[in-house]
Amino acid sequence: MTDRDRFYTSIRTSLFGGKLKPKQVEGIEAILAVWQADDARELAYGLATAYHETGFTMQPAKEKGGAAYLRRMYDPHSKDPARAALARKNGNLTPGDGVRYAGRGFVQLTWKANYKRMGEVLGIDLINEPDLAVQPDIAARILFVGMTRGLFSGKALGDYFTQSHTDWIEARRIINGVDRASTIAGYARQFHVALTA
């Protein structure tokens, strides 16, 4: 991106209702500081993902919901047998892992196995210090590395953005199936317009 002023002017209008808060700019800058891909479509999709996953704050966050909700969703002893099985499959083996390894960051990194894998890739101890995933620089690295290498779902940005193909909607499979895929595709297109203006 060559013209930050033009970029911010564009997204201020198209995505932020005419006003960008300093914390939103700070979060965007954290992502721009670590994003290494040359393809503006990939950067746009990363920004759109963060925009959606943070509820438009552009600040890395912890998953909403109290301890009871997080235990039900992610603990190996959840009262929901399907959720308990999913927890065990994803490395949450000890009571309390559901709360400890709930979603964090720009992309809501979830499950002990994912914290372990991402920590190893980045060379940081996310198992013993999962709250590192909400530090803006680390959250941005998790976002970038996970999306470009396909570490969240097995699908990567390069699967959807090639020289001959752009698939804003199916790219959601990088993170979370096709949940809200059209909505996030719309955000990505707006970020792309701003990045390439």
Foldseek 3Di string as FASTA:
>chain_A
DPDVVLLCCLCCVVPVVNDDDPQLVVLLVLLVVPADDPDLLQSLLLQLLLCVVVVNRSAKDFDDDDPLVLCLQAALPHPPPVSNVVNVVQPRDDGVQSVLFFFIASQGGGHLNLQVVLCVVVVHNCNVPVVVCRDSNNSSVCSNCLQQCLSAQNHHPCVADDPVHHDQQCSCNSRPGRVCSVVSSVSSVSSSVSVVD
